[in-house]
Amino acid sequence: MIYKVLKFIIGAAVQLYYREINIRNRGVLDIPGPKIIIANHPNTLMDAWMVGFACKQRIYYMAKSTFFSSPLKRWFLESLGMVPVNRASDVAVKGVSNADSFEACYKILSQGKTLVIFPEGTSFQERHLRQLKSGAARIALEAEKRYDKGLGVKIVPIGLIYSRAEKFRSSVMINIGEGIPVTNLVDEYCQNGITTARKLTEIFRINMERLLVNSSNKEQELLVDDIVAILSSNYEKGEKVTGVEEEVEQIRKVNNEINAILLTQPWKITEIENLVFQIKWKIQQFDIRPDFLDRRYRPWMFIRQLILSSIMIIIGLPIFLLGIIHNYAQYKLIDKIILAILKDIEYYAPVAILFSLIFYPIVFFGFAYGIHSLIPLSDLEFWLYLTSMPITGMFAYYFSAYVKHISFKLKFMLLMEEDRIKLIELKNQREQLRKLIFN
């Protein structure tokens, strides 16, 4: 019961936090039989929630034992289907036995259920796959070995790709691969368990890398992100980004080109990095969006758009103010608390969701009861007012983004009127960058 309630609440929360959650090849997860889901681990607790969101069936997780440091935590987490394991890198938690935990995993699989393991072992906000631990392979092979007829365990690899993992209303792709059978390796495992587990882990790595965007290091990943931000355009034919699939495809395309340059023309990377730095600096100085450089500039059209936008802003301003009044305090409070207590960006999104589930309802009910004490409301009016608070909050978020877009447009128009040559130079540098990468 606890699992179902929390799955519903967390599912609603992650759909609110992320603008788009695109699940590819979901049908693989619906195939009956015991499964071990293996996934990359860039976003701490959020990764577990994402896998749970993609699965219709109940799932069980292997989790580090430090989460189970008290009897109450242990009872709660085990009721959610979490299985503790002492990692070599952590201090062993009293009362947690790895032997017992592995037995629990074998039992889960023997019942035809689904187990989730993050074989990287640790979480860092990176797109490339880190070294995999062999635990998932050993559990799968040992479970098959223990039963004469075998269980038919399938390993399902998942690639989690976040556009910006910590950012509110960013997007996620859950890329699900085909199931990997392990029965064909059981005899080999009986002869040499360690070698076979490593062999199977290498198979996992190959299959998982196909689902991800793989850069060689964090520096390359940041360079690719900068290039994509500079070259992406909503005003060029064939380049418009409408969803996370196109976003990921752009990242993959640029990343592949950078990998090719590193192999064949490594001296070009320094030139690319310098050009990216110059373009980023100029864009920040001008305070415009890079894709505005692709827009056709027609002064009267821009003036007409700005007038219409100003009217829309005036009309929407009262709703925006209501959204700010009801949502700004808890938004800033949560942000300050998280930045004060967290050192790692990987924890930002899941902790923000957990705090939001606590603070937002408290503030909303506080406003509702405060107004009710001043102006008595009927039950219907009370709940309508309560419901309006998160709605106006989301309106305020998008309203702010719209105003920012209009400010970019105004600055672009002023620059085109007063300093067109500098914008043309910037546009030429942008085209130079495109040619360096794609030619």
Protein backbone atom coordinates (compact mmCIF):
# COMPACT_ATOMS: atom_id res chain seq x y z
CA MET A 1 0.00 0.00 0.00
CA ILE A 2 2.81 2.43 0.93
CA TYR A 3 4.57 1.60 -2.35
CA LYS A 4 1.47 2.34 -4.46
CA VAL A 5 0.71 5.62 -2.71
CA LEU A 6 4.31 6.87 -2.98
CA LYS A 7 4.57 5.70 -6.60
CA PHE A 8 1.53 7.81 -7.45
CA ILE A 9 2.79 10.90 -5.56
CA ILE A 10 6.37 10.67 -6.87
CA GLY A 11 5.10 9.95 -10.39
CA ALA A 12 3.02 13.14 -10.33
CA ALA A 13 5.94 15.11 -8.87
CA VAL A 14 8.51 14.06 -11.49
CA GLN A 15 6.03 14.84 -14.30
CA LEU A 16 5.63 18.32 -12.84
CA TYR A 17 9.38 18.83 -12.35
CA TYR A 18 10.35 17.72 -15.86
CA ARG A 19 8.70 19.22 -18.92
CA GLU A 20 8.97 16.00 -20.95
CA ILE A 21 9.74 12.40 -19.99
CA ASN A 22 10.17 10.39 -23.19
CA ILE A 23 10.20 6.61 -22.73
CA ARG A 24 11.52 4.65 -25.72
CA ASN A 25 10.89 0.92 -26.23
CA ARG A 26 8.73 0.64 -23.10
CA GLY A 27 7.23 -2.67 -24.23
CA VAL A 28 10.40 -4.54 -23.21
CA LEU A 29 9.57 -3.86 -19.56
CA ASP A 30 6.12 -5.46 -19.95
CA ILE A 31 7.47 -8.85 -21.10
CA PRO A 32 6.71 -11.33 -18.26
CA GLY A 33 9.45 -13.13 -16.37
CA PRO A 34 12.25 -12.25 -13.96
CA LYS A 35 14.26 -9.19 -14.95
CA ILE A 36 17.21 -7.20 -13.71
CA ILE A 37 17.09 -3.61 -14.90
CA ILE A 38 20.53 -2.02 -15.12
CA ALA A 39 20.76 1.74 -15.62
CA ASN A 40 23.34 4.51 -15.57
CA HIS A 41 23.32 6.71 -12.49
CA PRO A 42 23.72 10.47 -13.17
CA ASN A 43 21.03 11.89 -10.88
CA THR A 44 20.98 10.01 -7.53
CA LEU A 45 17.50 9.23 -6.19
CA MET A 46 15.83 10.69 -9.29
CA ASP A 47 17.21 7.79 -11.37
CA ALA A 48 15.37 5.27 -9.21
CA TRP A 49 12.19 7.32 -9.52
CA MET A 50 12.58 7.47 -13.30
CA VAL A 51 12.95 3.70 -13.60
CA GLY A 52 9.93 3.25 -11.32
CA PHE A 53 7.96 5.73 -13.44
CA ALA A 54 8.74 3.69 -16.58
CA CYS A 55 7.73 0.34 -15.01
CA LYS A 56 4.08 -0.60 -14.59
CA GLN A 57 4.94 -3.57 -12.35
CA ARG A 58 6.28 -3.31 -8.82
CA ILE A 59 10.05 -3.18 -8.75
CA TYR A 60 12.73 -3.82 -6.14
CA TYR A 61 15.96 -1.86 -5.76
CA MET A 62 19.43 -2.61 -4.50
CA ALA A 63 20.52 0.40 -2.44
CA LYS A 64 23.58 1.30 -0.40
CA SER A 65 23.32 0.23 3.24
CA THR A 66 24.01 3.73 4.61
CA PHE A 67 20.39 4.58 3.78
CA PHE A 68 19.34 1.89 6.31
CA SER A 69 21.19 3.38 9.29
CA SER A 70 18.28 3.18 11.77
CA PRO A 71 15.53 0.58 12.43
CA LEU A 72 12.83 3.05 11.31
CA LYS A 73 14.62 3.86 8.02
CA ARG A 74 15.22 0.17 7.42
CA TRP A 75 11.57 -0.73 7.98
CA PHE A 76 10.37 2.07 5.71
CA LEU A 77 12.83 1.42 2.87
CA GLU A 78 12.32 -2.34 2.93
CA SER A 79 8.55 -1.77 2.75
CA LEU A 80 9.29 0.10 -0.51
CA GLY A 81 11.16 -2.90 -1.91
CA MET A 82 14.72 -1.73 -1.28
CA VAL A 83 17.43 -4.29 -0.56
CA PRO A 84 20.47 -2.97 1.38
CA VAL A 85 24.01 -3.82 0.35
CA ASN A 86 27.29 -2.90 2.04
CA ARG A 87 29.59 -1.31 -0.54
CA ALA A 88 33.35 -1.62 -0.25
CA SER A 89 33.62 2.18 -0.30
CA ASP A 90 31.27 2.65 2.69
CA VAL A 91 31.44 1.76 6.37
CA ALA A 92 29.41 -1.44 6.87
CA VAL A 93 26.05 -0.82 8.54
CA LYS A 94 25.29 -2.96 11.55
CA GLY A 95 22.59 -5.52 10.89
CA VAL A 96 23.09 -5.54 7.11
CA SER A 97 24.53 -8.76 5.71
CA ASN A 98 25.43 -8.88 2.03
CA ALA A 99 24.84 -12.64 2.02
CA ASP A 100 21.27 -12.06 3.23
CA SER A 101 20.79 -9.27 0.69
CA PHE A 102 21.91 -11.48 -2.21
CA GLU A 103 19.54 -14.20 -0.99
CA ALA A 104 16.73 -11.65 -1.05
CA CYS A 105 17.65 -10.81 -4.66
CA TYR A 106 17.60 -14.48 -5.70
CA LYS A 107 14.17 -14.84 -4.08
CA ILE A 108 12.84 -11.76 -5.93
CA LEU A 109 14.00 -13.20 -9.27
CA SER A 110 12.70 -16.69 -8.49
CA GLN A 111 9.24 -15.14 -8.06
CA GLY A 112 9.41 -13.64 -11.56
CA LYS A 113 9.77 -10.08 -10.26
CA THR A 114 11.93 -7.14 -11.34
CA LEU A 115 15.12 -6.02 -9.61
CA VAL A 116 16.85 -2.68 -10.32
CA ILE A 117 20.62 -2.26 -10.00
CA PHE A 118 22.80 0.74 -10.84
CA PRO A 119 26.06 -1.04 -11.72
CA GLU A 120 28.16 2.15 -11.74
CA GLY A 121 27.73 2.06 -7.96
CA THR A 122 27.97 5.84 -7.46
CA SER A 123 26.13 8.81 -8.92
CA PHE A 124 27.70 11.71 -10.83
CA GLN A 125 26.00 14.12 -13.21
CA GLU A 126 27.71 12.86 -16.35
CA ARG A 127 26.33 11.43 -19.59
CA HIS A 128 29.14 9.00 -20.26
CA LEU A 129 29.13 5.56 -18.68
CA ARG A 130 31.57 4.99 -15.85
CA GLN A 131 33.16 1.67 -14.94
CA LEU A 132 30.58 -0.99 -14.09
CA LYS A 133 30.70 -3.21 -11.02
CA SER A 134 30.14 -6.92 -11.65
CA GLY A 135 27.48 -7.39 -8.95
CA ALA A 136 24.51 -7.37 -11.35
CA ALA A 137 26.16 -10.04 -13.52
CA ARG A 138 26.98 -12.24 -10.51
CA ILE A 139 23.43 -12.00 -9.14
CA ALA A 140 21.91 -12.90 -12.53
CA LEU A 141 24.24 -15.85 -13.11
CA GLU A 142 23.96 -17.17 -9.56
CA ALA A 143 20.15 -16.98 -9.70
CA GLU A 144 20.15 -19.02 -12.93
CA LYS A 145 22.65 -21.52 -11.52
CA ARG A 146 20.56 -22.25 -8.41
CA TYR A 147 17.57 -23.59 -10.32
CA ASP A 148 17.87 -26.77 -12.40
CA LYS A 149 15.57 -25.57 -15.16
CA GLY A 150 16.79 -22.00 -14.91
CA LEU A 151 14.69 -18.90 -14.35
CA GLY A 152 15.12 -17.26 -17.73
CA VAL A 153 16.42 -14.05 -16.19
CA LYS A 154 16.71 -11.19 -18.68
CA ILE A 155 18.88 -8.14 -18.14
CA VAL A 156 17.22 -4.96 -19.43
CA PRO A 157 19.65 -2.05 -19.96
CA ILE A 158 18.33 1.50 -19.59
CA GLY A 159 20.03 4.74 -20.59
CA LEU A 160 18.86 7.80 -18.63
CA ILE A 161 19.64 11.00 -20.52
CA TYR A 162 18.76 14.32 -18.86
CA SER A 163 18.96 17.57 -20.81
CA ARG A 164 19.79 19.39 -17.55
CA ALA A 165 19.20 17.02 -14.67
CA GLU A 166 18.85 19.62 -11.89
CA LYS A 167 16.80 22.20 -13.84
CA PHE A 168 13.06 22.58 -13.30
CA ARG A 169 11.02 21.93 -16.49
CA SER A 170 13.95 20.42 -18.38
CA SER A 171 13.52 17.03 -20.07
CA VAL A 172 14.51 13.37 -19.78
CA MET A 173 14.84 10.47 -22.17
CA ILE A 174 14.49 6.94 -20.76
CA ASN A 175 16.10 4.81 -23.46
CA ILE A 176 15.28 1.11 -22.95
CA GLY A 177 17.35 -1.58 -24.66
CA GLU A 178 16.46 -5.15 -25.57
CA GLY A 179 16.65 -7.86 -22.90
CA ILE A 180 19.98 -9.68 -22.57
CA PRO A 181 19.69 -13.43 -21.74
CA VAL A 182 22.22 -15.02 -19.36
CA THR A 183 21.30 -18.72 -19.54
CA ASN A 184 23.92 -19.37 -22.24
CA LEU A 185 26.68 -18.38 -19.78
CA VAL A 186 25.64 -20.51 -16.80
CA ASP A 187 27.88 -23.52 -17.64
CA GLU A 188 30.83 -21.19 -18.15
CA TYR A 189 30.00 -19.49 -14.84
CA CYS A 190 30.10 -22.83 -13.02
CA GLN A 191 33.63 -23.38 -14.34
CA ASN A 192 35.00 -19.87 -13.70
CA GLY A 193 32.66 -17.51 -11.90
CA ILE A 194 34.84 -14.39 -11.76
CA THR A 195 35.87 -14.42 -15.43
CA THR A 196 32.32 -15.09 -16.63
CA ALA A 197 30.87 -12.32 -14.45
CA ARG A 198 33.41 -9.90 -15.93
CA LYS A 199 32.58 -11.10 -19.44
CA LEU A 200 28.86 -10.53 -18.86
CA THR A 201 29.56 -7.11 -17.32
CA GLU A 202 31.41 -6.16 -20.50
CA ILE A 203 28.34 -7.19 -22.51
CA PHE A 204 26.28 -4.93 -20.23
CA ARG A 205 28.67 -2.03 -20.86
CA ILE A 206 28.45 -2.40 -24.65
CA ASN A 207 24.65 -2.50 -24.58
CA MET A 208 24.32 0.44 -22.18
CA GLU A 209 26.71 2.65 -24.14
CA ARG A 210 24.50 2.24 -27.21
CA LEU A 211 21.70 3.88 -25.25
CA LEU A 212 23.72 6.89 -24.09
CA VAL A 213 25.68 9.83 -25.43
CA ASN A 214 29.26 8.88 -24.63
CA SER A 215 31.93 11.52 -24.24
CA SER A 216 35.41 10.63 -23.07
CA ASN A 217 35.38 12.99 -20.07
CA LYS A 218 33.47 15.76 -18.31
CA GLU A 219 35.37 18.53 -20.14
CA GLN A 220 34.28 17.14 -23.51
CA GLU A 221 30.71 16.88 -22.27
CA LEU A 222 30.68 20.56 -21.24
CA LEU A 223 32.19 21.56 -24.60
CA VAL A 224 29.49 19.61 -26.46
CA ASP A 225 26.76 21.27 -24.36
CA ASP A 226 28.17 24.72 -25.15
CA ILE A 227 28.33 23.94 -28.89
CA VAL A 228 24.76 22.63 -28.94
CA ALA A 229 23.56 25.74 -27.08
CA ILE A 230 25.31 27.99 -29.61
CA LEU A 231 24.28 26.16 -32.79
CA SER A 232 20.74 25.06 -31.92
CA SER A 233 18.14 27.16 -33.67
CA ASN A 234 14.37 27.47 -33.78
CA TYR A 235 14.63 29.70 -36.85
CA GLU A 236 16.59 27.50 -39.24
CA LYS A 237 14.68 25.07 -41.44
CA GLY A 238 15.19 21.45 -40.37
CA GLU A 239 16.90 22.41 -37.10
CA LYS A 240 13.91 23.25 -34.91
CA VAL A 241 14.00 21.37 -31.59
CA THR A 242 10.50 20.27 -30.58
CA GLY A 243 11.24 17.65 -27.93
CA VAL A 244 13.81 15.70 -25.99
CA GLU A 245 14.40 13.24 -28.86
CA GLU A 246 15.61 16.03 -31.14
CA GLU A 247 17.57 17.52 -28.23
CA VAL A 248 19.38 14.24 -27.54
CA GLU A 249 19.97 13.66 -31.25
CA GLN A 250 21.65 17.07 -31.54
CA ILE A 251 23.89 16.29 -28.55
CA ARG A 252 24.74 12.87 -30.01
CA LYS A 253 25.51 14.37 -33.43
CA VAL A 254 27.88 17.02 -32.06
CA ASN A 255 29.49 14.53 -29.68
CA ASN A 256 30.19 12.10 -32.54
CA GLU A 257 31.80 14.89 -34.58
CA ILE A 258 34.00 15.92 -31.64
CA ASN A 259 35.06 12.28 -31.14
CA ALA A 260 35.97 12.06 -34.84
CA ILE A 261 38.00 15.30 -34.64
CA LEU A 262 39.84 14.02 -31.56
CA LEU A 263 40.86 10.93 -33.51
CA THR A 264 41.79 12.49 -36.85
CA GLN A 265 42.49 16.22 -36.27
CA PRO A 266 43.08 16.73 -32.53
CA TRP A 267 44.77 20.13 -33.11
CA LYS A 268 41.38 21.54 -34.17
CA ILE A 269 39.93 21.09 -30.66
CA THR A 270 41.89 24.07 -29.29
CA GLU A 271 40.60 26.26 -32.12
CA ILE A 272 37.04 25.07 -31.45
CA GLU A 273 37.37 25.72 -27.71
CA ASN A 274 38.70 29.24 -28.28
CA LEU A 275 35.93 30.06 -30.74
CA VAL A 276 33.27 28.71 -28.37
CA PHE A 277 34.69 30.88 -25.57
CA GLN A 278 34.61 34.01 -27.75
CA ILE A 279 31.05 33.39 -28.96
CA LYS A 280 29.78 32.64 -25.44
CA TRP A 281 31.39 35.83 -24.12
CA LYS A 282 29.82 37.98 -26.86
CA ILE A 283 26.39 36.41 -26.41
CA GLN A 284 26.58 37.15 -22.68
CA GLN A 285 27.64 40.73 -23.39
CA PHE A 286 24.79 41.25 -25.86
CA ASP A 287 22.37 39.30 -23.61
CA ILE A 288 20.53 37.68 -26.50
CA ARG A 289 19.68 34.12 -27.50
CA PRO A 290 22.15 32.60 -30.03
CA ASP A 291 19.39 31.45 -32.39
CA PHE A 292 18.18 35.06 -32.78
CA LEU A 293 21.14 35.44 -35.15
CA ASP A 294 19.18 33.28 -37.62
CA ARG A 295 16.12 35.51 -37.54
CA ARG A 296 15.24 37.72 -40.48
CA TYR A 297 15.15 41.25 -39.18
CA ARG A 298 12.16 43.26 -40.33
CA PRO A 299 11.76 46.32 -38.05
CA TRP A 300 8.01 46.81 -38.44
CA MET A 301 7.31 43.14 -37.81
CA PHE A 302 9.38 43.30 -34.60
CA ILE A 303 7.64 46.48 -33.46
CA ARG A 304 4.22 44.90 -34.10
CA GLN A 305 5.24 41.77 -32.16
CA LEU A 306 6.54 43.82 -29.24
CA ILE A 307 3.30 45.83 -29.06
CA LEU A 308 1.19 42.65 -29.05
CA SER A 309 3.52 41.07 -26.47
CA SER A 310 3.22 44.14 -24.23
CA ILE A 311 -0.57 43.85 -24.34
CA MET A 312 -0.33 40.14 -23.42
CA ILE A 313 2.00 40.99 -20.53
CA ILE A 314 -0.41 43.63 -19.19
CA ILE A 315 -3.33 41.16 -19.40
CA GLY A 316 -1.37 38.36 -17.72
CA LEU A 317 0.26 40.53 -15.02
CA PRO A 318 -2.50 40.11 -12.36
CA ILE A 319 -2.38 36.30 -12.62
CA PHE A 320 1.42 36.46 -12.53
CA LEU A 321 1.30 38.51 -9.31
CA LEU A 322 -1.08 35.99 -7.71
CA GLY A 323 1.31 33.20 -8.65
CA ILE A 324 4.27 35.09 -7.16
CA ILE A 325 2.41 35.87 -3.92
CA HIS A 326 1.42 32.23 -3.38
CA ASN A 327 4.60 30.50 -4.59
CA TYR A 328 7.66 32.74 -4.35
CA ALA A 329 8.38 32.33 -0.62
CA GLN A 330 8.54 28.52 -0.61
CA TYR A 331 10.39 28.51 -3.94
CA LYS A 332 13.18 30.73 -2.58
CA LEU A 333 13.19 28.94 0.79
CA ILE A 334 13.64 25.51 -0.80
CA ASP A 335 16.38 26.80 -3.08
CA LYS A 336 18.29 28.37 -0.17
CA ILE A 337 17.96 25.29 2.05
CA ILE A 338 19.15 22.95 -0.71
CA LEU A 339 22.13 25.10 -1.64
CA ALA A 340 23.06 25.33 2.06
CA ILE A 341 22.90 21.61 2.85
CA LEU A 342 24.02 20.02 -0.43
CA LYS A 343 27.50 19.88 -1.87
CA ASP A 344 26.69 17.83 -4.97
CA ILE A 345 24.47 19.04 -7.82
CA GLU A 346 23.31 15.45 -8.41
CA TYR A 347 21.05 15.66 -5.34
CA TYR A 348 19.36 18.95 -6.26
CA ALA A 349 16.35 17.66 -8.25
CA PRO A 350 15.24 14.80 -5.95
CA VAL A 351 15.74 16.87 -2.78
CA ALA A 352 13.86 19.79 -4.38
CA ILE A 353 10.93 17.47 -5.08
CA LEU A 354 10.93 16.05 -1.53
CA PHE A 355 11.03 19.52 0.04
CA SER A 356 8.34 20.77 -2.35
CA LEU A 357 6.02 17.95 -1.31
CA ILE A 358 6.33 19.27 2.25
CA PHE A 359 6.53 23.08 1.99
CA TYR A 360 4.15 23.86 -0.87
CA PRO A 361 1.06 22.17 0.68
CA ILE A 362 1.82 23.80 4.07
CA VAL A 363 2.03 27.30 2.53
CA PHE A 364 -1.02 26.73 0.29
CA PHE A 365 -3.18 25.59 3.22
CA GLY A 366 -1.80 28.47 5.29
CA PHE A 367 -2.95 30.99 2.68
CA ALA A 368 -6.34 29.30 2.32
CA TYR A 369 -7.02 29.23 6.06
CA GLY A 370 -5.72 32.81 6.44
CA ILE A 371 -8.12 34.11 3.79
CA HIS A 372 -10.94 31.95 5.21
CA SER A 373 -10.44 33.53 8.65
CA LEU A 374 -10.73 37.02 7.14
CA ILE A 375 -13.40 36.34 4.53
CA PRO A 376 -15.46 33.22 5.28
CA LEU A 377 -15.43 30.93 2.25
CA SER A 378 -17.76 28.13 1.30
CA ASP A 379 -16.24 24.66 0.91
CA LEU A 380 -16.29 25.02 -2.88
CA GLU A 381 -14.67 28.48 -2.75
CA PHE A 382 -12.04 27.22 -0.31
CA TRP A 383 -10.99 24.33 -2.58
CA LEU A 384 -11.15 26.45 -5.73
CA TYR A 385 -8.84 28.97 -4.09
CA LEU A 386 -6.52 26.20 -2.91
CA THR A 387 -6.41 24.69 -6.41
CA SER A 388 -5.70 28.07 -8.01
CA MET A 389 -2.40 28.49 -6.13
CA PRO A 390 -0.29 25.87 -7.93
CA ILE A 391 -1.97 26.77 -11.25
CA THR A 392 -1.10 30.44 -10.94
CA GLY A 393 2.38 29.39 -9.80
CA MET A 394 2.98 27.52 -13.05
CA PHE A 395 1.53 30.47 -14.95
CA ALA A 396 4.03 32.76 -13.18
CA TYR A 397 6.91 30.48 -14.19
CA TYR A 398 5.97 30.51 -17.89
CA PHE A 399 5.07 34.20 -17.75
CA SER A 400 8.60 34.96 -16.49
CA ALA A 401 10.08 32.91 -19.33
CA TYR A 402 7.89 34.78 -21.82
CA VAL A 403 8.97 38.18 -20.48
CA LYS A 404 12.61 37.08 -20.72
CA HIS A 405 12.04 36.04 -24.34
CA ILE A 406 10.52 39.45 -25.12
CA SER A 407 13.48 41.20 -23.47
CA PHE A 408 15.86 39.19 -25.69
CA LYS A 409 13.82 40.23 -28.72
CA LEU A 410 13.92 43.90 -27.71
CA LYS A 411 17.69 43.81 -27.13
CA PHE A 412 18.18 42.09 -30.49
CA MET A 413 16.13 44.78 -32.23
CA LEU A 414 18.12 47.58 -30.55
CA LEU A 415 21.40 45.91 -31.47
CA MET A 416 20.29 45.53 -35.10
CA GLU A 417 19.50 49.23 -35.18
CA GLU A 418 22.59 50.48 -33.33
CA ASP A 419 25.36 47.88 -33.73
CA ARG A 420 24.46 45.62 -36.64
CA ILE A 421 28.12 45.05 -37.64
CA LYS A 422 28.95 43.36 -34.31
CA LEU A 423 25.98 41.03 -34.68
CA ILE A 424 27.05 40.15 -38.23
CA GLU A 425 30.56 39.40 -36.93
CA LEU A 426 29.07 37.17 -34.23
CA LYS A 427 26.92 35.38 -36.79
CA ASN A 428 30.00 34.79 -38.98
CA GLN A 429 31.89 33.35 -36.00
CA ARG A 430 28.96 31.04 -35.34
CA GLU A 431 29.04 29.81 -38.94
CA GLN A 432 32.79 29.36 -38.67
CA LEU A 433 32.23 27.14 -35.63
CA ARG A 434 29.63 25.11 -37.52
CA LYS A 435 32.07 24.54 -40.41
CA LEU A 436 34.93 23.59 -38.08
CA ILE A 437 32.80 20.86 -36.53
CA PHE A 438 30.72 19.53 -39.41
CA ASN A 439 33.15 19.96 -42.34
